[in-house]
Amino acid sequence: MYEATMHEAKTNLSALVKRAQSGEDVVITSGRTKEPVAKITPIKKVKSKGRVPGLFKGVFTIAADFDAPLPEDEARLWGGE
């Protein structure tokens, strides 16, 4: 674990983030007593399992005419008339 003062964190944030990306925890301290106030930790990447065909099969249905043109009066309203 690496400790950095608040001043060091302000001036070298990108370097501290790189340390965290490499797997190291970085603790940011404040004041003369160097009291820990924050921690930068690496985020573990989550691997996507990809798309699963048929996952929502039977959960909902789409009407056969879902892409039919709107009635004229409704289309005019959508057109701002």
PDB file of N, CA and C in Angstrom:
ATOM      1  N   MET A   1       0.851  -1.169   0.000  1.00  0.00           N
ATOM      2  CA  MET A   1       0.000   0.000   0.000  1.00  0.00           C
ATOM      3  C   MET A   1       0.897   1.232   0.000  1.00  0.00           C
ATOM      4  N   TYR A   2       0.554   2.180  -0.859  1.00  0.00           N
ATOM      5  CA  TYR A   2       1.327   3.408  -0.994  1.00  0.00           C
ATOM      6  C   TYR A   2       0.564   4.551  -0.341  1.00  0.00           C
ATOM      7  N   GLU A   3       1.249   5.408   0.403  1.00  0.00           N
ATOM      8  CA  GLU A   3       0.624   6.575   1.024  1.00  0.00           C
ATOM      9  C   GLU A   3       1.081   7.828   0.308  1.00  0.00           C
ATOM     10  N   ALA A   4       0.133   8.718   0.041  1.00  0.00           N
ATOM     11  CA  ALA A   4       0.437   9.989  -0.609  1.00  0.00           C
ATOM     12  C   ALA A   4      -0.255  11.103   0.163  1.00  0.00           C
ATOM     13  N   THR A   5       0.427  12.228   0.297  1.00  0.00           N
ATOM     14  CA  THR A   5      -0.189  13.371   0.964  1.00  0.00           C
ATOM     15  C   THR A   5      -1.208  14.012   0.027  1.00  0.00           C
ATOM     16  N   MET A   6      -2.047  14.870   0.581  1.00  0.00           N
ATOM     17  CA  MET A   6      -3.051  15.552  -0.218  1.00  0.00           C
ATOM     18  C   MET A   6      -2.369  16.367  -1.323  1.00  0.00           C
ATOM     19  N   HIS A   7      -1.276  17.039  -0.989  1.00  0.00           N
ATOM     20  CA  HIS A   7      -0.549  17.828  -1.982  1.00  0.00           C
ATOM     21  C   HIS A   7      -0.020  16.935  -3.104  1.00  0.00           C
ATOM     22  N   GLU A   8       0.563  15.811  -2.740  1.00  0.00           N
ATOM     23  CA  GLU A   8       1.079  14.883  -3.744  1.00  0.00           C
ATOM     24  C   GLU A   8      -0.047  14.348  -4.623  1.00  0.00           C
ATOM     25  N   ALA A   9      -1.200  14.081  -4.015  1.00  0.00           N
ATOM     26  CA  ALA A   9      -2.338  13.571  -4.775  1.00  0.00           C
ATOM     27  C   ALA A   9      -2.833  14.608  -5.777  1.00  0.00           C
ATOM     28  N   LYS A  10      -2.838  15.890  -5.379  1.00  0.00           N
ATOM     29  CA  LYS A  10      -3.290  16.940  -6.291  1.00  0.00           C
ATOM     30  C   LYS A  10      -2.342  17.117  -7.469  1.00  0.00           C
ATOM     31  N   THR A  11      -1.054  17.004  -7.209  1.00  0.00           N
ATOM     32  CA  THR A  11      -0.088  17.253  -8.279  1.00  0.00           C
ATOM     33  C   THR A  11       0.244  16.012  -9.105  1.00  0.00           C
ATOM     34  N   ASN A  12       0.017  14.814  -8.564  1.00  0.00           N
ATOM     35  CA  ASN A  12       0.402  13.579  -9.264  1.00  0.00           C
ATOM     36  C   ASN A  12      -0.748  12.584  -9.373  1.00  0.00           C
ATOM     37  N   LEU A  13      -1.953  13.071  -9.570  1.00  0.00           N
ATOM     38  CA  LEU A  13      -3.108  12.167  -9.584  1.00  0.00           C
ATOM     39  C   LEU A  13      -2.973  11.070 -10.635  1.00  0.00           C
ATOM     40  N   SER A  14      -2.565  11.426 -11.839  1.00  0.00           N
ATOM     41  CA  SER A  14      -2.486  10.406 -12.891  1.00  0.00           C
ATOM     42  C   SER A  14      -1.471   9.316 -12.534  1.00  0.00           C
ATOM     43  N   ALA A  15      -0.373   9.680 -11.907  1.00  0.00           N
ATOM     44  CA  ALA A  15       0.615   8.674 -11.498  1.00  0.00           C
ATOM     45  C   ALA A  15       0.051   7.769 -10.406  1.00  0.00           C
ATOM     46  N   LEU A  16      -0.716   8.347  -9.491  1.00  0.00           N
ATOM     47  CA  LEU A  16      -1.323   7.533  -8.428  1.00  0.00           C
ATOM     48  C   LEU A  16      -2.377   6.591  -9.006  1.00  0.00           C
ATOM     49  N   VAL A  17      -3.124   7.062  -9.979  1.00  0.00           N
ATOM     50  CA  VAL A  17      -4.124   6.197 -10.621  1.00  0.00           C
ATOM     51  C   VAL A  17      -3.430   5.050 -11.350  1.00  0.00           C
ATOM     52  N   LYS A  18      -2.313   5.319 -11.987  1.00  0.00           N
ATOM     53  CA  LYS A  18      -1.571   4.246 -12.657  1.00  0.00           C
ATOM     54  C   LYS A  18      -1.103   3.194 -11.651  1.00  0.00           C
ATOM     55  N   ARG A  19      -0.702   3.642 -10.477  1.00  0.00           N
ATOM     56  CA  ARG A  19      -0.306   2.687  -9.430  1.00  0.00           C
ATOM     57  C   ARG A  19      -1.493   1.806  -9.064  1.00  0.00           C
ATOM     58  N   ALA A  20      -2.658   2.437  -8.938  1.00  0.00           N
ATOM     59  CA  ALA A  20      -3.866   1.664  -8.603  1.00  0.00           C
ATOM     60  C   ALA A  20      -4.221   0.702  -9.733  1.00  0.00           C
ATOM     61  N   GLN A  21      -4.073   1.142 -10.976  1.00  0.00           N
ATOM     62  CA  GLN A  21      -4.373   0.264 -12.111  1.00  0.00           C
ATOM     63  C   GLN A  21      -3.451  -0.951 -12.139  1.00  0.00           C
ATOM     64  N   SER A  22      -2.259  -0.801 -11.600  1.00  0.00           N
ATOM     65  CA  SER A  22      -1.341  -1.933 -11.578  1.00  0.00           C
ATOM     66  C   SER A  22      -1.611  -2.865 -10.388  1.00  0.00           C
ATOM     67  N   GLY A  23      -2.645  -2.539  -9.597  1.00  0.00           N
ATOM     68  CA  GLY A  23      -3.047  -3.432  -8.512  1.00  0.00           C
ATOM     69  C   GLY A  23      -2.721  -2.962  -7.122  1.00  0.00           C
ATOM     70  N   GLU A  24      -2.119  -1.797  -6.991  1.00  0.00           N
ATOM     71  CA  GLU A  24      -1.700  -1.292  -5.689  1.00  0.00           C
ATOM     72  C   GLU A  24      -2.767  -0.369  -5.097  1.00  0.00           C
ATOM     73  N   ASP A  25      -2.975  -0.452  -3.784  1.00  0.00           N
ATOM     74  CA  ASP A  25      -3.857   0.485  -3.094  1.00  0.00           C
ATOM     75  C   ASP A  25      -3.068   1.749  -2.768  1.00  0.00           C
ATOM     76  N   VAL A  26      -3.713   2.903  -2.946  1.00  0.00           N
ATOM     77  CA  VAL A  26      -3.078   4.182  -2.637  1.00  0.00           C
ATOM     78  C   VAL A  26      -3.938   4.887  -1.596  1.00  0.00           C
ATOM     79  N   VAL A  27      -3.347   5.209  -0.453  1.00  0.00           N
ATOM     80  CA  VAL A  27      -4.056   5.905   0.615  1.00  0.00           C
ATOM     81  C   VAL A  27      -3.641   7.369   0.585  1.00  0.00           C
ATOM     82  N   ILE A  28      -4.615   8.267   0.589  1.00  0.00           N
ATOM     83  CA  ILE A  28      -4.339   9.698   0.595  1.00  0.00           C
ATOM     84  C   ILE A  28      -4.484  10.195   2.025  1.00  0.00           C
ATOM     85  N   THR A  29      -3.454  10.905   2.496  1.00  0.00           N
ATOM     86  CA  THR A  29      -3.453  11.392   3.873  1.00  0.00           C
ATOM     87  C   THR A  29      -3.570  12.907   3.893  1.00  0.00           C
ATOM     88  N   SER A  30      -3.964  13.421   5.054  1.00  0.00           N
ATOM     89  CA  SER A  30      -4.158  14.862   5.185  1.00  0.00           C
ATOM     90  C   SER A  30      -3.592  15.346   6.519  1.00  0.00           C
ATOM     91  N   GLY A  31      -3.137  16.586   6.519  1.00  0.00           N
ATOM     92  CA  GLY A  31      -2.683  17.221   7.749  1.00  0.00           C
ATOM     93  C   GLY A  31      -1.311  16.770   8.207  1.00  0.00           C
ATOM     94  N   ARG A  32      -0.881  17.396   9.304  1.00  0.00           N
ATOM     95  CA  ARG A  32       0.441  17.066   9.854  1.00  0.00           C
ATOM     96  C   ARG A  32       0.503  15.653  10.407  1.00  0.00           C
ATOM     97  N   THR A  33      -0.649  15.178  10.881  1.00  0.00           N
ATOM     98  CA  THR A  33      -0.674  13.821  11.444  1.00  0.00           C
ATOM     99  C   THR A  33      -0.770  12.757  10.352  1.00  0.00           C
ATOM    100  N   LYS A  34      -0.922  13.210   9.125  1.00  0.00           N
ATOM    101  CA  LYS A  34      -1.065  12.306   7.974  1.00  0.00           C
ATOM    102  C   LYS A  34      -2.163  11.273   8.208  1.00  0.00           C
ATOM    103  N   GLU A  35      -3.306  11.791   8.608  1.00  0.00           N
ATOM    104  CA  GLU A  35      -4.474  10.944   8.847  1.00  0.00           C
ATOM    105  C   GLU A  35      -5.049  10.470   7.510  1.00  0.00           C
ATOM    106  N   PRO A  36      -5.271   9.179   7.347  1.00  0.00           N
ATOM    107  CA  PRO A  36      -5.851   8.674   6.097  1.00  0.00           C
ATOM    108  C   PRO A  36      -7.268   9.229   5.896  1.00  0.00           C
ATOM    109  N   VAL A  37      -7.520   9.760   4.687  1.00  0.00           N
ATOM    110  CA  VAL A  37      -8.835  10.337   4.409  1.00  0.00           C
ATOM    111  C   VAL A  37      -9.496   9.736   3.173  1.00  0.00           C
ATOM    112  N   ALA A  38      -8.722   9.118   2.295  1.00  0.00           N
ATOM    113  CA  ALA A  38      -9.290   8.537   1.082  1.00  0.00           C
ATOM    114  C   ALA A  38      -8.405   7.395   0.609  1.00  0.00           C
ATOM    115  N   LYS A  39      -8.972   6.569  -0.261  1.00  0.00           N
ATOM    116  CA  LYS A  39      -8.231   5.419  -0.758  1.00  0.00           C
ATOM    117  C   LYS A  39      -8.544   5.238  -2.239  1.00  0.00           C
ATOM    118  N   ILE A  40      -7.523   5.063  -3.041  1.00  0.00           N
ATOM    119  CA  ILE A  40      -7.689   4.743  -4.462  1.00  0.00           C
ATOM    120  C   ILE A  40      -7.383   3.260  -4.603  1.00  0.00           C
ATOM    121  N   THR A  41      -8.359   2.518  -5.085  1.00  0.00           N
ATOM    122  CA  THR A  41      -8.172   1.074  -5.240  1.00  0.00           C
ATOM    123  C   THR A  41      -8.459   0.674  -6.682  1.00  0.00           C
ATOM    124  N   PRO A  42      -7.838  -0.391  -7.146  1.00  0.00           N
ATOM    125  CA  PRO A  42      -8.107  -0.841  -8.511  1.00  0.00           C
ATOM    126  C   PRO A  42      -9.510  -1.434  -8.617  1.00  0.00           C
ATOM    127  N   ILE A  43     -10.109  -1.261  -9.767  1.00  0.00           N
ATOM    128  CA  ILE A  43     -11.424  -1.853 -10.030  1.00  0.00           C
ATOM    129  C   ILE A  43     -11.200  -3.106 -10.860  1.00  0.00           C
ATOM    130  N   LYS A  44     -11.736  -4.203 -10.386  1.00  0.00           N
ATOM    131  CA  LYS A  44     -11.596  -5.457 -11.113  1.00  0.00           C
ATOM    132  C   LYS A  44     -12.536  -5.443 -12.314  1.00  0.00           C
ATOM    133  N   LYS A  45     -11.996  -5.789 -13.471  1.00  0.00           N
ATOM    134  CA  LYS A  45     -12.800  -5.824 -14.685  1.00  0.00           C
ATOM    135  C   LYS A  45     -13.726  -7.027 -14.647  1.00  0.00           C
ATOM    136  N   VAL A  46     -14.955  -6.805 -15.088  1.00  0.00           N
ATOM    137  CA  VAL A  46     -15.939  -7.879 -15.155  1.00  0.00           C
ATOM    138  C   VAL A  46     -16.036  -8.325 -16.607  1.00  0.00           C
ATOM    139  N   LYS A  47     -15.820  -9.596 -16.822  1.00  0.00           N
ATOM    140  CA  LYS A  47     -15.907 -10.103 -18.188  1.00  0.00           C
ATOM    141  C   LYS A  47     -17.366 -10.344 -18.552  1.00  0.00           C
ATOM    142  N   SER A  48     -17.725  -9.845 -19.709  1.00  0.00           N
ATOM    143  CA  SER A  48     -19.080 -10.044 -20.208  1.00  0.00           C
ATOM    144  C   SER A  48     -19.216 -11.477 -20.714  1.00  0.00           C
ATOM    145  N   LYS A  49     -20.330 -12.078 -20.426  1.00  0.00           N
ATOM    146  CA  LYS A  49     -20.578 -13.425 -20.909  1.00  0.00           C
ATOM    147  C   LYS A  49     -21.198 -13.395 -22.296  1.00  0.00           C
ATOM    148  N   GLY A  50     -21.381 -12.181 -22.828  1.00  0.00           N
ATOM    149  CA  GLY A  50     -21.945 -12.056 -24.165  1.00  0.00           C
ATOM    150  C   GLY A  50     -23.454 -12.140 -24.146  1.00  0.00           C
ATOM    151  N   ARG A  51     -23.994 -12.056 -25.309  1.00  0.00           N
ATOM    152  CA  ARG A  51     -25.444 -12.114 -25.446  1.00  0.00           C
ATOM    153  C   ARG A  51     -25.914 -13.561 -25.428  1.00  0.00           C
ATOM    154  N   VAL A  52     -27.060 -13.779 -24.826  1.00  0.00           N
ATOM    155  CA  VAL A  52     -27.625 -15.117 -24.747  1.00  0.00           C
ATOM    156  C   VAL A  52     -28.873 -15.145 -25.612  1.00  0.00           C
ATOM    157  N   PRO A  53     -28.834 -15.820 -26.752  1.00  0.00           N
ATOM    158  CA  PRO A  53     -30.007 -15.867 -27.618  1.00  0.00           C
ATOM    159  C   PRO A  53     -31.203 -16.491 -26.910  1.00  0.00           C
ATOM    160  N   GLY A  54     -32.367 -15.864 -27.069  1.00  0.00           N
ATOM    161  CA  GLY A  54     -33.594 -16.405 -26.499  1.00  0.00           C
ATOM    162  C   GLY A  54     -33.772 -16.154 -25.022  1.00  0.00           C
ATOM    163  N   LEU A  55     -32.983 -15.271 -24.435  1.00  0.00           N
ATOM    164  CA  LEU A  55     -33.035 -15.031 -22.997  1.00  0.00           C
ATOM    165  C   LEU A  55     -34.415 -14.543 -22.551  1.00  0.00           C
ATOM    166  N   PHE A  56     -35.062 -13.689 -23.344  1.00  0.00           N
ATOM    167  CA  PHE A  56     -36.366 -13.139 -22.963  1.00  0.00           C
ATOM    168  C   PHE A  56     -37.525 -13.779 -23.735  1.00  0.00           C
ATOM    169  N   LYS A  57     -37.296 -14.923 -24.309  1.00  0.00           N
ATOM    170  CA  LYS A  57     -38.337 -15.604 -25.075  1.00  0.00           C
ATOM    171  C   LYS A  57     -39.532 -15.902 -24.171  1.00  0.00           C
ATOM    172  N   GLY A  58     -40.715 -15.450 -24.625  1.00  0.00           N
ATOM    173  CA  GLY A  58     -41.940 -15.681 -23.868  1.00  0.00           C
ATOM    174  C   GLY A  58     -42.207 -14.653 -22.788  1.00  0.00           C
ATOM    175  N   VAL A  59     -41.291 -13.729 -22.545  1.00  0.00           N
ATOM    176  CA  VAL A  59     -41.482 -12.713 -21.511  1.00  0.00           C
ATOM    177  C   VAL A  59     -42.406 -11.613 -22.006  1.00  0.00           C
ATOM    178  N   PHE A  60     -42.281 -11.240 -23.265  1.00  0.00           N
ATOM    179  CA  PHE A  60     -43.166 -10.235 -23.846  1.00  0.00           C
ATOM    180  C   PHE A  60     -43.391 -10.575 -25.310  1.00  0.00           C
ATOM    181  N   THR A  61     -44.415  -9.980 -25.868  1.00  0.00           N
ATOM    182  CA  THR A  61     -44.728 -10.214 -27.281  1.00  0.00           C
ATOM    183  C   THR A  61     -44.759  -8.894 -28.027  1.00  0.00           C
ATOM    184  N   ILE A  62     -44.481  -8.966 -29.305  1.00  0.00           N
ATOM    185  CA  ILE A  62     -44.528  -7.795 -30.173  1.00  0.00           C
ATOM    186  C   ILE A  62     -45.674  -8.014 -31.150  1.00  0.00           C
ATOM    187  N   ALA A  63     -46.560  -7.024 -31.225  1.00  0.00           N
ATOM    188  CA  ALA A  63     -47.720  -7.137 -32.122  1.00  0.00           C
ATOM    189  C   ALA A  63     -47.248  -7.230 -33.566  1.00  0.00           C
ATOM    190  N   ALA A  64     -48.007  -7.935 -34.381  1.00  0.00           N
ATOM    191  CA  ALA A  64     -47.654  -8.114 -35.787  1.00  0.00           C
ATOM    192  C   ALA A  64     -47.641  -6.784 -36.536  1.00  0.00           C
ATOM    193  N   ASP A  65     -48.445  -5.827 -36.097  1.00  0.00           N
ATOM    194  CA  ASP A  65     -48.519  -4.532 -36.795  1.00  0.00           C
ATOM    195  C   ASP A  65     -47.764  -3.422 -36.056  1.00  0.00           C
ATOM    196  N   PHE A  66     -46.733  -3.778 -35.290  1.00  0.00           N
ATOM    197  CA  PHE A  66     -46.029  -2.770 -34.494  1.00  0.00           C
ATOM    198  C   PHE A  66     -45.386  -1.687 -35.352  1.00  0.00           C
ATOM    199  N   ASP A  67     -45.068  -1.986 -36.592  1.00  0.00           N
ATOM    200  CA  ASP A  67     -44.424  -0.997 -37.460  1.00  0.00           C
ATOM    201  C   ASP A  67     -45.364  -0.411 -38.510  1.00  0.00           C
ATOM    202  N   ALA A  68     -46.661  -0.610 -38.285  1.00  0.00           N
ATOM    203  CA  ALA A  68     -47.658  -0.056 -39.221  1.00  0.00           C
ATOM    204  C   ALA A  68     -47.668   1.468 -39.106  1.00  0.00           C
ATOM    205  N   PRO A  69     -47.983   2.162 -40.197  1.00  0.00           N
ATOM    206  CA  PRO A  69     -48.033   3.625 -40.143  1.00  0.00           C
ATOM    207  C   PRO A  69     -49.089   4.102 -39.142  1.00  0.00           C
ATOM    208  N   LEU A  70     -48.819   5.260 -38.535  1.00  0.00           N
ATOM    209  CA  LEU A  70     -49.775   5.846 -37.593  1.00  0.00           C
ATOM    210  C   LEU A  70     -50.992   6.388 -38.343  1.00  0.00           C
ATOM    211  N   PRO A  71     -52.136   6.465 -37.677  1.00  0.00           N
ATOM    212  CA  PRO A  71     -53.276   7.130 -38.298  1.00  0.00           C
ATOM    213  C   PRO A  71     -52.898   8.588 -38.614  1.00  0.00           C
ATOM    214  N   GLU A  72     -53.497   9.155 -39.658  1.00  0.00           N
ATOM    215  CA  GLU A  72     -53.115  10.491 -40.127  1.00  0.00           C
ATOM    216  C   GLU A  72     -53.191  11.552 -39.037  1.00  0.00           C
ATOM    217  N   ASP A  73     -54.266  11.555 -38.250  1.00  0.00           N
ATOM    218  CA  ASP A  73     -54.403  12.574 -37.211  1.00  0.00           C
ATOM    219  C   ASP A  73     -53.294  12.464 -36.146  1.00  0.00           C
ATOM    220  N   GLU A  74     -52.919  11.249 -35.811  1.00  0.00           N
ATOM    221  CA  GLU A  74     -51.861  11.051 -34.835  1.00  0.00           C
ATOM    222  C   GLU A  74     -50.481  11.417 -35.416  1.00  0.00           C
ATOM    223  N   ALA A  75     -50.260  11.087 -36.682  1.00  0.00           N
ATOM    224  CA  ALA A  75     -49.008  11.432 -37.340  1.00  0.00           C
ATOM    225  C   ALA A  75     -48.836  12.952 -37.412  1.00  0.00           C
ATOM    226  N   ARG A  76     -49.941  13.685 -37.635  1.00  0.00           N
ATOM    227  CA  ARG A  76     -49.867  15.142 -37.667  1.00  0.00           C
ATOM    228  C   ARG A  76     -49.469  15.688 -36.294  1.00  0.00           C
ATOM    229  N   LEU A  77     -50.007  15.108 -35.220  1.00  0.00           N
ATOM    230  CA  LEU A  77     -49.649  15.544 -33.873  1.00  0.00           C
ATOM    231  C   LEU A  77     -48.154  15.305 -33.611  1.00  0.00           C
ATOM    232  N   TRP A  78     -47.636  14.166 -34.016  1.00  0.00           N
ATOM    233  CA  TRP A  78     -46.214  13.875 -33.832  1.00  0.00           C
ATOM    234  C   TRP A  78     -45.362  14.803 -34.677  1.00  0.00           C
ATOM    235  N   GLY A  79     -45.918  15.261 -35.807  1.00  0.00           N
ATOM    236  CA  GLY A  79     -45.197  16.190 -36.677  1.00  0.00           C
ATOM    237  C   GLY A  79     -45.267  17.617 -36.204  1.00  0.00           C
ATOM    238  N   GLY A  80     -45.981  17.884 -35.120  1.00  0.00           N
ATOM    239  CA  GLY A  80     -46.039  19.225 -34.567  1.00  0.00           C
ATOM    240  C   GLY A  80     -47.147  20.086 -35.158  1.00  0.00           C
ATOM    241  N   GLU A  81     -48.069  19.480 -35.841  1.00  0.00           N
ATOM    242  CA  GLU A  81     -49.182  20.263 -36.435  1.00  0.00           C
ATOM    243  C   GLU A  81     -50.345  20.374 -35.482  1.00  0.00           C
TER     244      GLU A  81
END
